[in-house]
Structure formats: structure tokens, C-alpha cells
N, C-alpha and C. Protein backbone atom coordinates (compact mmCIF):
# COMPACT_ATOMS: atom_id res chain seq x y z
N MET A 1 95.18 185.79 54.49
CA MET A 1 95.03 186.15 55.74
C MET A 1 94.76 187.32 56.23
N SER A 2 94.01 187.62 56.88
CA SER A 2 93.46 189.02 57.74
C SER A 2 94.80 189.29 58.81
N LEU A 3 95.24 190.09 59.00
CA LEU A 3 95.85 190.53 60.36
C LEU A 3 95.47 191.81 60.98
N THR A 4 95.28 191.82 62.09
CA THR A 4 94.29 192.69 62.83
C THR A 4 95.42 193.33 63.67
N LEU A 5 95.85 194.48 63.70
CA LEU A 5 96.77 195.34 64.84
C LEU A 5 95.85 195.57 65.85
N ILE A 6 96.25 195.07 66.87
CA ILE A 6 96.08 195.26 68.61
C ILE A 6 96.73 196.52 69.30
N ASP A 7 95.74 197.40 69.72
CA ASP A 7 96.53 198.17 70.15
C ASP A 7 95.58 199.15 70.80
N ARG A 8 94.57 199.08 71.90
CA ARG A 8 93.34 199.54 72.17
C ARG A 8 94.28 201.21 73.05
N PHE A 9 95.28 201.28 72.84
CA PHE A 9 95.89 202.81 74.21
C PHE A 9 96.52 203.67 72.89
N HIS A 10 96.70 203.53 71.65
CA HIS A 10 97.01 204.09 70.87
C HIS A 10 96.41 204.41 69.34
N PRO A 11 94.97 204.90 69.32
CA PRO A 11 93.81 204.54 68.30
C PRO A 11 94.45 205.08 66.86
N HIS A 12 94.91 206.30 67.18
CA HIS A 12 95.54 207.01 66.02
C HIS A 12 96.38 206.06 65.18
N LEU A 13 97.65 205.84 66.18
CA LEU A 13 98.39 204.90 65.30
C LEU A 13 98.20 203.53 64.76
N GLN A 14 97.05 203.09 65.77
CA GLN A 14 96.72 201.95 65.42
C GLN A 14 96.08 201.94 63.88
N ARG A 15 95.29 203.02 63.66
CA ARG A 15 94.31 203.18 62.45
C ARG A 15 95.43 203.36 61.19
N GLU A 16 96.65 204.35 61.32
CA GLU A 16 97.27 204.45 60.02
C GLU A 16 98.06 203.03 59.77
N GLN A 17 98.91 202.42 61.15
CA GLN A 17 99.32 201.03 60.89
C GLN A 17 98.44 199.86 60.13
N GLN A 18 96.98 199.54 60.64
CA GLN A 18 96.41 198.75 60.17
C GLN A 18 96.24 199.03 58.69
N ALA A 19 95.84 200.73 58.21
CA ALA A 19 95.64 200.57 56.74
C ALA A 19 97.15 200.51 55.97
N GLU A 20 98.20 200.42 56.17
CA GLU A 20 99.68 199.66 55.90
C GLU A 20 99.26 198.79 56.13
N ILE A 21 98.89 197.70 56.77
CA ILE A 21 99.15 196.26 56.85
C ILE A 21 98.08 195.77 55.82
N ASP A 22 97.05 196.75 55.64
CA ASP A 22 95.63 195.99 54.84
C ASP A 22 96.47 196.12 53.17
N ALA A 23 97.32 197.18 53.27
CA ALA A 23 97.78 197.10 51.59
C ALA A 23 99.01 196.80 51.40
N GLY A 24 99.62 195.77 52.39
CA GLY A 24 100.30 194.76 51.77
C GLY A 24 101.85 195.41 52.66
N HIS A 25 101.98 196.23 53.06
CA HIS A 25 103.40 196.65 53.45
C HIS A 25 103.63 196.18 54.71
N ILE A 26 103.71 195.02 54.61
CA ILE A 26 104.64 193.92 55.75
C ILE A 26 104.78 192.86 54.99
N HIS A 27 106.15 192.58 56.26
CA HIS A 27 106.35 191.08 56.00
C HIS A 27 107.19 190.52 57.04
N ILE A 28 107.48 188.97 56.77
CA ILE A 28 107.68 188.02 58.05
C ILE A 28 109.39 188.25 58.22
N ARG A 29 109.78 188.60 59.57
CA ARG A 29 110.81 188.93 59.87
C ARG A 29 111.65 187.85 60.42
N GLU A 30 110.80 187.18 61.25
CA GLU A 30 111.31 185.87 62.34
C GLU A 30 110.22 184.86 62.10
N GLU A 31 109.72 183.72 62.09
CA GLU A 31 108.82 182.66 62.94
C GLU A 31 109.57 181.28 63.11
N LEU A 32 108.81 180.96 64.23
CA LEU A 32 109.11 179.94 65.38
C LEU A 32 107.83 178.92 65.83
N GLU A 33 108.60 177.56 65.39
CA GLU A 33 107.30 176.47 65.69
C GLU A 33 107.70 176.03 67.47
N LEU A 34 107.51 176.74 68.06
CA LEU A 34 108.40 176.14 69.75
C LEU A 34 108.16 174.82 69.69
N LEU A 35 107.23 174.26 69.14
CA LEU A 35 107.08 172.76 69.01
C LEU A 35 107.83 171.91 68.19
N GLY A 36 108.67 172.40 67.09
CA GLY A 36 109.35 172.03 66.17
C GLY A 36 110.46 170.86 66.68
N PRO A 37 110.80 169.84 66.28
CA PRO A 37 111.80 169.02 66.62
C PRO A 37 113.08 169.46 66.45
N GLU A 38 113.50 170.81 66.16
CA GLU A 38 114.92 171.34 66.61
C GLU A 38 114.75 172.04 67.71
N GLN A 39 113.67 172.72 68.49
CA GLN A 39 113.50 173.07 69.64
C GLN A 39 112.66 172.09 70.90
N LEU A 40 112.42 171.17 70.66
CA LEU A 40 112.06 170.24 71.62
C LEU A 40 112.95 169.84 72.49
N GLN A 41 114.18 169.42 72.28
CA GLN A 41 115.16 169.11 73.12
C GLN A 41 115.92 170.01 74.14
N PRO A 42 116.40 171.26 73.47
CA PRO A 42 116.61 172.14 74.16
C PRO A 42 115.31 173.03 75.06
N LEU A 43 114.08 173.19 74.45
CA LEU A 43 113.30 173.50 75.47
C LEU A 43 112.75 172.12 76.91
N ALA A 44 113.12 171.28 76.18
CA ALA A 44 112.77 170.52 77.51
C ALA A 44 114.03 170.41 78.80
N GLN A 45 114.85 170.85 78.06
CA GLN A 45 116.25 170.64 78.71
C GLN A 45 116.40 171.82 79.90
N PHE A 46 115.40 173.12 79.17
CA PHE A 46 115.37 174.45 79.76
C PHE A 46 114.25 173.91 80.54
N SER A 47 113.23 173.56 80.42
CA SER A 47 112.12 173.63 81.25
C SER A 47 112.36 172.47 82.62
N LEU A 48 113.79 171.62 82.31
CA LEU A 48 114.39 170.86 83.87
C LEU A 48 115.11 171.71 84.74
N LEU A 49 115.75 172.58 83.91
CA LEU A 49 116.61 173.87 84.57
C LEU A 49 115.74 174.39 85.48
N LEU A 50 115.04 174.85 84.68
CA LEU A 50 113.46 175.76 85.78
C LEU A 50 113.11 174.63 86.60
N LEU A 51 112.63 173.75 86.67
CA LEU A 51 112.11 172.84 87.50
C LEU A 51 113.33 172.86 89.36
N ILE A 52 114.39 172.46 88.50
CA ILE A 52 114.96 172.44 89.59
C ILE A 52 115.31 173.71 90.46
N ILE A 53 115.58 174.94 90.14
CA ILE A 53 115.68 176.57 90.32
C ILE A 53 114.48 176.37 91.08
N GLY A 54 113.42 176.47 90.30
CA GLY A 54 112.01 176.79 90.98
C GLY A 54 111.47 176.04 92.65
N GLY A 55 112.28 174.54 92.14
CA GLY A 55 111.78 173.41 93.03
C GLY A 55 112.83 173.90 94.55
N ALA A 56 114.09 174.11 94.30
CA ALA A 56 115.14 174.93 95.02
C ALA A 56 114.70 176.08 96.09
N PHE A 57 114.38 177.23 95.15
CA PHE A 57 113.79 178.19 95.32
C PHE A 57 112.36 177.87 96.39
N PHE A 58 111.49 177.52 96.24
CA PHE A 58 110.26 177.49 96.71
C PHE A 58 110.74 176.45 97.93
N VAL A 59 111.18 175.47 98.05
CA VAL A 59 111.34 174.22 99.13
C VAL A 59 112.41 175.35 100.25
N VAL A 60 113.25 176.00 99.94
CA VAL A 60 113.77 176.42 100.89
C VAL A 60 113.14 177.94 101.46
N LEU A 61 112.72 178.60 100.75
CA LEU A 61 111.77 179.33 101.15
C LEU A 61 110.42 178.80 101.96
N ASN A 62 110.04 177.88 101.69
CA ASN A 62 108.67 177.26 102.60
C ASN A 62 109.40 176.89 103.99
N PHE A 63 110.62 176.38 103.63
CA PHE A 63 111.10 175.91 104.93
C PHE A 63 111.80 177.48 106.37
N ALA A 64 112.14 178.40 105.47
CA ALA A 64 112.89 179.40 105.90
C ALA A 64 111.55 179.98 106.57
N ALA A 65 110.68 180.23 106.16
CA ALA A 65 109.03 180.71 106.50
C ALA A 65 108.43 180.04 107.94
N TYR A 66 108.20 178.80 107.33
CA TYR A 66 107.69 177.77 108.66
C TYR A 66 108.62 178.00 110.04
N TYR A 67 110.22 178.55 109.66
CA TYR A 67 110.83 178.26 110.54
C TYR A 67 110.88 179.77 111.36
N TRP A 68 110.71 180.78 110.52
CA TRP A 68 110.52 182.14 110.82
C TRP A 68 109.12 182.19 111.86
N HIS A 69 107.85 181.82 111.42
CA HIS A 69 106.66 181.54 111.77
C HIS A 69 106.84 180.80 113.32
N LYS A 70 107.27 179.49 112.95
CA LYS A 70 107.37 178.36 114.25
C LYS A 70 108.42 178.26 115.12
N HIS A 71 109.20 178.88 114.41
CA HIS A 71 110.49 178.65 115.29
C HIS A 71 110.95 176.91 115.41
N THR A 72 110.85 176.32 114.10
CA THR A 72 111.28 174.77 114.33
C THR A 72 111.19 174.09 112.64
N LEU A 73 111.74 173.83 112.51
CA LEU A 73 111.96 173.12 110.81
C LEU A 73 111.43 171.44 110.92
N SER A 74 110.37 171.32 111.93
CA SER A 74 109.85 170.27 111.87
C SER A 74 108.19 170.04 111.94
N PRO A 75 107.72 170.57 110.79
CA PRO A 75 106.35 170.35 111.06
C PRO A 75 105.47 169.45 111.37
N ASN A 76 104.69 169.06 112.02
CA ASN A 76 104.15 168.03 112.58
C ASN A 76 103.05 167.32 111.02
N THR A 77 103.74 166.04 110.75
CA THR A 77 103.48 165.27 109.43
C THR A 77 102.75 163.52 110.31
N THR A 78 101.71 163.37 109.86
CA THR A 78 101.84 161.86 109.78
C THR A 78 101.82 161.23 108.46
N GLY A 79 101.25 160.02 108.57
CA GLY A 79 101.26 158.71 107.32
C GLY A 79 100.07 159.76 106.14
N TRP A 80 98.82 159.64 107.26
CA TRP A 80 97.97 160.22 106.44
C TRP A 80 98.06 161.53 106.27
N GLY A 81 98.78 162.22 106.81
CA GLY A 81 98.73 163.66 106.54
C GLY A 81 99.73 163.99 105.61
N LEU A 82 100.50 163.22 105.06
CA LEU A 82 101.71 163.07 104.02
C LEU A 82 100.97 162.57 102.81
N LEU A 83 99.77 161.68 103.05
CA LEU A 83 99.15 161.81 101.85
C LEU A 83 98.20 162.53 101.05
N LEU A 84 97.59 163.27 102.19
CA LEU A 84 96.81 164.31 102.00
C LEU A 84 97.63 165.37 101.25
N TRP A 85 98.74 165.59 101.83
CA TRP A 85 99.50 167.05 101.44
C TRP A 85 99.67 166.06 99.96
N PHE A 86 100.19 164.94 99.65
CA PHE A 86 100.51 165.55 98.27
C PHE A 86 99.55 165.02 97.46
N ALA A 87 97.92 164.59 97.66
CA ALA A 87 96.90 164.63 97.09
C ALA A 87 96.52 166.07 96.76
N ILE A 88 96.69 167.32 97.46
CA ILE A 88 96.27 168.11 97.50
C ILE A 88 97.39 169.03 96.14
N ASN A 89 98.71 168.78 96.84
CA ASN A 89 99.15 169.44 95.80
C ASN A 89 99.17 168.82 93.74
N ILE A 90 99.14 167.36 94.12
CA ILE A 90 98.87 167.17 92.93
C ILE A 90 97.44 167.56 92.04
N VAL A 91 96.10 167.62 92.66
CA VAL A 91 95.09 168.79 92.41
C VAL A 91 95.73 169.97 92.14
N GLY A 92 96.36 170.85 93.06
CA GLY A 92 96.56 172.10 92.55
C GLY A 92 97.43 172.27 91.29
N TYR A 93 98.54 171.21 91.05
CA TYR A 93 98.85 171.30 90.10
C TYR A 93 98.40 171.20 88.66
N ILE A 94 96.88 170.53 88.46
CA ILE A 94 96.34 170.29 87.73
C ILE A 94 95.54 171.78 87.67
N VAL A 95 95.01 172.24 88.95
CA VAL A 95 94.10 173.90 88.67
C VAL A 95 95.09 174.93 88.34
N ILE A 96 96.41 174.83 88.31
CA ILE A 96 97.23 176.30 87.74
C ILE A 96 97.32 175.77 86.12
N LEU A 97 96.92 175.00 85.75
CA LEU A 97 97.02 174.99 84.10
C LEU A 97 96.84 175.68 83.17
N PRO A 98 94.87 175.70 83.82
CA PRO A 98 94.02 176.86 83.39
C PRO A 98 94.14 178.22 83.74
N ILE A 99 95.19 178.46 85.40
CA ILE A 99 94.81 179.37 85.61
C ILE A 99 95.97 180.43 84.75
N HIS A 100 96.95 179.63 84.48
CA HIS A 100 97.78 180.00 83.72
C HIS A 100 97.71 180.34 82.47
N GLU A 101 96.92 179.76 81.80
CA GLU A 101 96.19 180.31 80.14
C GLU A 101 95.48 181.36 80.50
N LEU A 102 94.67 181.28 81.44
CA LEU A 102 93.76 182.19 81.76
C LEU A 102 94.36 183.96 82.14
N ILE A 103 95.59 183.53 82.70
CA ILE A 103 96.12 185.11 83.44
C ILE A 103 96.96 185.61 81.72
N HIS A 104 97.08 184.43 80.47
CA HIS A 104 97.60 184.88 79.31
C HIS A 104 96.46 185.54 78.89
N GLY A 105 95.00 184.99 78.79
CA GLY A 105 93.89 185.60 78.19
C GLY A 105 93.82 187.15 78.63
N LEU A 106 93.78 187.22 79.89
CA LEU A 106 93.66 188.66 80.55
C LEU A 106 94.44 189.12 79.87
N ALA A 107 95.79 189.27 79.52
CA ALA A 107 96.64 189.94 79.23
C ALA A 107 96.64 190.22 77.71
N PHE A 108 96.38 189.43 76.67
CA PHE A 108 95.61 189.33 75.64
C PHE A 108 94.30 190.92 75.52
N ALA A 109 93.62 190.26 76.54
CA ALA A 109 92.68 191.13 76.49
C ALA A 109 92.83 192.76 76.65
N PHE A 110 93.60 192.89 77.64
CA PHE A 110 93.91 193.85 78.14
C PHE A 110 94.71 195.05 77.26
N TRP A 111 95.24 194.52 76.44
CA TRP A 111 95.72 195.34 75.33
C TRP A 111 94.35 195.35 74.15
N GLY A 112 93.64 195.17 74.21
CA GLY A 112 92.38 195.07 73.40
C GLY A 112 92.42 193.68 72.30
N GLY A 113 92.92 193.16 72.51
CA GLY A 113 92.97 191.70 71.75
C GLY A 113 91.94 190.57 72.04
N HIS A 114 91.40 189.45 71.29
CA HIS A 114 90.40 188.76 71.55
C HIS A 114 91.17 187.22 71.85
N PRO A 115 91.52 187.11 72.66
CA PRO A 115 91.96 185.45 72.90
C PRO A 115 91.16 184.70 72.69
N TYR A 116 91.74 183.27 72.45
CA TYR A 116 90.96 182.07 72.14
C TYR A 116 91.50 180.82 73.37
N PHE A 117 90.85 179.68 73.62
CA PHE A 117 91.24 178.53 74.31
C PHE A 117 91.38 177.49 73.80
N GLY A 118 92.37 176.34 74.14
CA GLY A 118 92.18 175.17 73.29
C GLY A 118 92.63 174.12 74.19
N THR A 119 92.32 172.98 73.64
CA THR A 119 93.51 171.79 74.76
C THR A 119 93.99 170.95 73.68
N LYS A 120 95.07 170.13 74.24
CA LYS A 120 95.91 169.28 73.46
C LYS A 120 95.96 168.04 73.99
N LEU A 121 95.39 167.07 73.82
CA LEU A 121 95.93 165.79 75.10
C LEU A 121 96.92 165.58 75.19
N PRO A 122 97.27 164.63 75.96
CA PRO A 122 96.77 164.46 77.70
C PRO A 122 96.09 165.36 78.39
N LEU A 123 97.18 166.57 78.47
CA LEU A 123 96.63 167.21 79.29
C LEU A 123 97.39 168.72 79.15
N ALA A 124 97.09 169.28 77.97
CA ALA A 124 97.91 170.26 77.46
C ALA A 124 97.12 171.45 77.29
N LEU A 125 97.34 173.10 77.33
CA LEU A 125 95.96 173.67 77.43
C LEU A 125 96.78 174.92 76.53
N PHE A 126 95.90 175.59 76.10
CA PHE A 126 96.72 176.99 75.27
C PHE A 126 96.19 178.06 75.15
N CYS A 127 96.81 179.07 75.26
CA CYS A 127 96.01 180.30 74.57
C CYS A 127 96.17 181.56 73.68
N GLY A 128 96.03 181.38 72.98
CA GLY A 128 96.24 182.41 71.54
C GLY A 128 95.46 183.43 71.23
N ALA A 129 95.72 184.12 70.12
CA ALA A 129 95.05 185.31 69.66
C ALA A 129 95.09 185.05 68.00
N LYS A 130 94.35 184.45 67.64
CA LYS A 130 94.64 184.26 66.14
C LYS A 130 94.39 185.47 65.36
N ASN A 131 95.23 185.25 64.55
CA ASN A 131 95.43 186.73 63.47
C ASN A 131 95.54 188.00 63.60
N GLN A 132 95.96 188.24 65.12
CA GLN A 132 96.28 189.54 65.38
C GLN A 132 97.56 189.66 66.05
N LEU A 133 97.68 190.95 65.74
CA LEU A 133 99.23 191.57 65.86
C LEU A 133 99.43 192.53 66.96
N PHE A 134 100.41 192.09 67.78
CA PHE A 134 100.35 192.94 68.79
C PHE A 134 102.05 193.85 69.03
N ARG A 135 102.18 194.66 69.66
CA ARG A 135 103.58 195.22 69.50
C ARG A 135 104.70 194.46 70.35
N ARG A 136 105.84 194.18 70.07
CA ARG A 136 106.90 193.10 70.46
C ARG A 136 106.63 193.48 72.27
N ASN A 137 106.66 195.16 72.96
CA ASN A 137 106.55 194.69 74.52
C ASN A 137 105.56 194.42 74.69
N GLN A 138 104.19 194.68 74.27
CA GLN A 138 102.91 193.94 74.67
C GLN A 138 103.01 192.57 74.59
N TYR A 139 103.20 192.35 73.88
CA TYR A 139 103.58 190.47 73.41
C TYR A 139 104.31 190.06 74.28
N LEU A 140 105.48 190.56 74.73
CA LEU A 140 106.53 190.51 75.93
C LEU A 140 105.26 189.90 77.24
N VAL A 141 104.26 191.14 77.54
CA VAL A 141 104.02 191.11 78.90
C VAL A 141 102.97 189.83 78.74
N VAL A 142 102.35 189.82 77.73
CA VAL A 142 101.38 188.93 77.89
C VAL A 142 101.93 187.31 77.83
N GLY A 143 103.53 186.84 77.32
CA GLY A 143 103.77 185.85 77.34
C GLY A 143 104.25 185.38 78.84
N LEU A 144 104.61 186.82 79.48
CA LEU A 144 105.78 186.32 80.94
C LEU A 144 104.56 187.01 82.15
N ALA A 145 103.44 186.95 81.77
CA ALA A 145 102.39 187.91 82.89
C ALA A 145 102.45 186.48 83.75
N PRO A 146 101.90 185.20 83.32
CA PRO A 146 101.12 184.21 84.15
C PRO A 146 102.69 183.61 85.49
N LEU A 147 104.05 183.56 84.36
CA LEU A 147 105.02 183.24 85.13
C LEU A 147 105.46 184.46 86.82
N ILE A 148 105.48 185.92 86.18
CA ILE A 148 105.45 186.91 86.78
C ILE A 148 104.33 186.85 87.92
N VAL A 149 102.81 186.81 87.45
CA VAL A 149 101.67 186.55 88.48
C VAL A 149 101.89 185.72 89.70
N ILE A 150 101.86 184.45 89.09
CA ILE A 150 101.88 183.13 89.83
C ILE A 150 103.01 183.09 90.87
N THR A 151 104.13 183.15 90.47
CA THR A 151 105.37 183.22 91.33
C THR A 151 105.33 184.25 92.03
N LEU A 152 104.90 185.80 92.26
CA LEU A 152 104.72 186.64 93.18
C LEU A 152 103.78 186.33 94.19
N ALA A 153 102.62 186.08 93.53
CA ALA A 153 101.54 184.97 94.22
C ALA A 153 102.38 184.02 95.49
N GLY A 154 102.83 182.94 94.48
CA GLY A 154 103.34 182.01 95.24
C GLY A 154 104.41 182.47 96.78
N ILE A 155 105.28 183.37 96.22
CA ILE A 155 106.14 184.05 97.42
C ILE A 155 105.42 184.51 98.34
N ILE A 156 104.50 185.51 98.03
CA ILE A 156 103.71 186.41 99.38
C ILE A 156 102.72 185.20 100.38
N PHE A 157 102.23 184.18 99.23
CA PHE A 157 101.59 183.04 100.26
C PHE A 157 102.18 182.34 101.10
N THR A 158 103.69 181.77 100.69
CA THR A 158 104.49 180.94 101.40
C THR A 158 105.14 182.23 102.52
N LEU A 159 105.26 183.47 101.94
CA LEU A 159 106.23 184.36 103.51
C LEU A 159 104.63 184.35 104.48
N LEU A 160 103.63 184.85 104.24
CA LEU A 160 102.04 184.93 104.96
C LEU A 160 101.80 183.81 105.70
N SER A 161 102.19 182.31 104.81
CA SER A 161 101.61 181.22 105.88
C SER A 161 102.18 180.13 104.92
N PRO A 162 103.25 179.55 105.44
CA PRO A 162 104.15 178.36 104.75
C PRO A 162 103.30 177.18 104.88
N SER A 163 102.66 177.02 106.17
CA SER A 163 102.10 175.83 106.42
C SER A 163 100.89 175.45 105.01
N LEU A 164 99.90 176.37 104.85
CA LEU A 164 99.29 176.13 103.62
C LEU A 164 100.14 176.57 102.14
N ALA A 165 100.87 177.03 102.19
CA ALA A 165 102.03 177.28 101.04
C ALA A 165 102.59 175.56 100.59
N SER A 166 102.55 174.96 101.71
CA SER A 166 103.10 173.97 101.47
C SER A 166 102.09 172.86 100.27
N TYR A 167 101.00 173.44 100.32
CA TYR A 167 99.91 172.50 100.02
C TYR A 167 99.96 172.52 98.44
N THR A 168 100.35 174.27 97.98
CA THR A 168 100.48 174.47 96.47
C THR A 168 102.06 174.48 96.10
N ILE A 169 102.89 173.82 96.48
CA ILE A 169 103.84 174.44 96.12
C ILE A 169 104.51 173.48 94.83
N PHE A 170 103.64 172.23 94.51
CA PHE A 170 103.67 171.63 93.21
C PHE A 170 103.35 172.31 92.07
N ALA A 171 102.09 173.20 92.17
CA ALA A 171 101.93 174.17 91.48
C ALA A 171 102.40 175.35 91.25
N THR A 172 103.24 175.44 92.26
CA THR A 172 104.22 177.04 92.18
C THR A 172 104.97 176.85 91.26
N ILE A 173 105.68 175.45 91.57
CA ILE A 173 106.81 175.09 90.83
C ILE A 173 106.64 174.59 89.46
N GLY A 174 105.58 173.95 89.48
CA GLY A 174 105.01 173.46 88.19
C GLY A 174 104.92 174.66 87.13
N ASN A 175 104.54 175.64 88.38
CA ASN A 175 104.27 177.01 86.98
C ASN A 175 105.23 177.70 86.10
N PHE A 176 106.32 177.70 86.99
CA PHE A 176 107.82 178.00 86.90
C PHE A 176 108.70 177.05 85.91
N SER A 177 108.54 175.86 86.21
CA SER A 177 108.74 175.33 84.96
C SER A 177 108.20 175.23 84.03
N GLY A 178 106.85 175.06 83.83
CA GLY A 178 105.89 174.87 83.08
C GLY A 178 106.19 176.45 82.11
N ALA A 179 106.41 177.41 82.55
CA ALA A 179 106.70 178.60 81.78
C ALA A 179 107.98 178.78 81.16
N ALA A 180 108.89 177.56 81.01
CA ALA A 180 109.58 177.48 80.05
C ALA A 180 109.53 178.15 78.47
N GLY A 181 108.29 177.97 77.78
CA GLY A 181 108.18 177.99 76.42
C GLY A 181 107.95 180.04 76.44
N ASP A 182 107.55 180.29 77.57
CA ASP A 182 107.15 181.68 77.59
C ASP A 182 108.55 182.49 77.63
N VAL A 183 109.46 181.86 78.19
CA VAL A 183 110.73 182.57 78.95
C VAL A 183 111.39 182.46 77.54
N TRP A 184 111.37 181.30 76.93
CA TRP A 184 112.11 180.96 75.86
C TRP A 184 111.51 181.80 74.26
N VAL A 185 110.61 182.10 74.43
CA VAL A 185 110.09 183.04 73.41
C VAL A 185 110.18 184.34 73.64
N ALA A 186 109.99 185.12 75.21
CA ALA A 186 110.53 186.29 75.16
C ALA A 186 111.87 186.36 74.91
N ARG A 187 113.09 185.63 75.35
CA ARG A 187 114.32 185.43 75.21
C ARG A 187 114.76 186.04 73.46
N ARG A 188 114.00 185.18 73.14
CA ARG A 188 113.99 185.70 71.37
C ARG A 188 113.73 186.70 71.07
N ILE A 189 112.39 187.03 71.14
CA ILE A 189 111.69 188.51 70.97
C ILE A 189 112.38 189.66 71.38
N LEU A 190 112.67 189.64 72.65
CA LEU A 190 113.77 190.69 73.43
C LEU A 190 114.64 191.17 71.89
N GLN A 191 115.22 190.18 71.17
CA GLN A 191 116.39 190.36 70.35
C GLN A 191 115.95 191.00 69.01
N GLN A 192 114.73 191.18 68.48
CA GLN A 192 113.84 192.22 67.70
C GLN A 192 113.77 193.51 67.94
N PRO A 193 113.72 194.44 67.18
CA PRO A 193 113.62 195.71 67.65
C PRO A 193 112.12 195.75 68.25
N SER A 194 112.07 197.17 69.16
CA SER A 194 110.68 197.45 70.02
C SER A 194 109.51 197.54 68.82
N SER A 195 110.05 198.20 67.30
CA SER A 195 109.08 198.53 66.19
C SER A 195 108.38 197.20 66.18
N VAL A 196 108.37 196.17 65.79
CA VAL A 196 107.99 194.87 65.26
C VAL A 196 106.49 194.64 65.82
N LEU A 197 106.04 193.66 65.21
CA LEU A 197 104.55 193.51 65.50
C LEU A 197 104.65 191.71 65.54
N VAL A 198 103.97 191.16 66.72
CA VAL A 198 104.24 190.07 66.53
C VAL A 198 103.02 188.81 66.58
N GLU A 199 102.80 187.94 65.64
CA GLU A 199 101.41 187.34 66.01
C GLU A 199 101.81 185.91 66.35
N ASP A 200 100.77 185.83 67.74
CA ASP A 200 100.94 184.74 68.00
C ASP A 200 100.17 183.58 67.08
N THR A 201 100.48 182.09 66.86
CA THR A 201 100.21 181.01 66.68
C THR A 201 99.97 180.41 68.13
N GLN A 202 99.41 179.32 67.56
CA GLN A 202 99.01 177.80 68.09
C GLN A 202 100.43 176.87 68.93
N THR A 203 101.17 177.30 68.11
CA THR A 203 102.55 176.45 68.56
C THR A 203 103.58 177.43 68.29
N GLY A 204 103.51 178.52 68.35
CA GLY A 204 104.73 179.66 68.25
C GLY A 204 104.67 181.25 68.22
N TYR A 205 105.53 181.32 67.06
CA TYR A 205 105.01 183.09 66.98
C TYR A 205 105.64 183.22 65.41
N ARG A 206 105.10 184.65 65.09
CA ARG A 206 105.75 185.09 63.77
C ARG A 206 105.99 186.86 64.17
N VAL A 207 107.14 187.15 63.42
CA VAL A 207 107.31 188.31 63.99
C VAL A 207 106.96 189.06 62.42
N TRP A 208 106.40 189.88 62.34
CA TRP A 208 106.04 190.77 61.32
C TRP A 208 107.01 192.59 61.29
N GLU A 209 107.49 192.61 60.47
CA GLU A 209 107.71 194.22 60.15
C GLU A 209 107.00 195.02 59.12
N LEU A 210 106.60 196.38 59.41
CA LEU A 210 106.04 197.47 58.51
C LEU A 210 107.48 197.47 57.70
N ILE A 211 107.06 197.59 56.36
CA ILE A 211 108.02 198.02 55.35
C ILE A 211 107.64 199.65 54.78
N ALA A 212 108.38 200.13 54.26
CA ALA A 212 108.25 201.76 53.54
C ALA A 212 106.96 201.22 52.14
N SER A 213 106.48 202.31 51.83
CA SER A 213 105.56 202.05 50.50
C SER A 213 106.32 201.86 49.68
N SER A 214 107.35 202.62 49.32
CA SER A 214 108.56 202.78 48.41
C SER A 214 109.19 201.08 48.19
N GLN A 215 109.10 200.67 49.41
CA GLN A 215 109.65 199.17 49.31
C GLN A 215 108.65 197.78 48.55
N ALA A 216 107.32 198.61 49.05
CA ALA A 216 106.54 197.28 48.96
C ALA A 216 106.45 196.54 47.58
N PRO A 217 106.31 195.17 47.29
CA PRO A 217 106.18 194.61 46.28
C PRO A 217 105.22 195.32 45.49
């Protein structure tokens, strides 16, 4: 398997370390299958926790912003209005899924990588960077970018227009909860030295470490 080190901002160091990689002076330090049997239950519990936290935060924020704008906590809604609100929220939740993965892809591309996109039925999308290595901190940016960008956008939108933001609240909360895997991976990778290199896999990641020539097999 050929691995390519991605680092557009440090070309000289990239060339030096790529030569070491090509010479085999690299070994796997850690590997995680995020969808493995031992990870699924704690990951599901963590996702539920984020759903509760995100739901409470954005509901309270929306009502507080609505009161600040309208000086009332009773928005005018009818039966058909609630149905429309629910339908638009469902559509928004679906639309946010590809947007989440697109942000991952843009972050990969920012560092110089070549992302690819795929689907897993019935409604799972993913973005990866096959056979490409990223520095630890760069990979953390890639992993957390959708959570940070969409959450900040949701907060700003809610503060500016709480009435309209209520139609996207499922998307904002769903993205917060759906980022459980990204946060889970980021928390584990933060335990690794900043010098390691991370390879994204379709179901997780591999952490690689360069070794001295004298220690190479």
C-alpha cells in the first residue's frame, strides 16, 4: 500500500518525510474501527448524550432569542403551521448530512488532500481521504470542522432570526449529535503525540509514526 503525506504548507519537510515513508521507516501506532462491535454501544450512548445537550441548548437559545426579538414566548402557530414546521425541519435534517460531509471534504482539500465521498444505505454518508496521511493537528481540524462550523452558524442564525432558525433546529441538533464519531476520534487522537501521522479509513483511522532509519527492520 502506497501512503502519501499531505502537507501543502511545509513542502520541504513533506518531501523529506515522504522519502522516509517510501523507504518503509514508518509503523502503525494505533488503529481504530469506529463501527466495530466494541465501539458501537458507547458511541451510541455518546451520540444520545450530545443529542440531549444540543437539543436543550438550541431550544433554550431559540426561545431566549425569540423573546429578545418579540418580547413574548408564544409564537403564533396553527395546526398547518406546525405541520409545515415539522416537514421543513425533516428536510433540513436530511440536507445537513451532505453539508456535514462536504465540510469534511473542504477541510481535507485545504491541507492539500484529495477527499472522496460515499454512501452507506439507508441514509449514511461519509467522506474520506484514501491512502493519505495528515499531521495530527491537521486531522483534528478535518474531523471537528463540521461540528464547529455548523454549530456556530446555527447559533448566529438563531440570534439573528429565531423564527426562521426554528425551521432548521432539527438540522442543527442532528448535526451536533451526528458529530459524536468525530468528537470520539478527536478525543482519542489528542492522546497521541503531535508528531504522529493519521490515515483516514472508511470506518475509522490509523495512527502512523515515523521511525529512525537505524530502527527500521
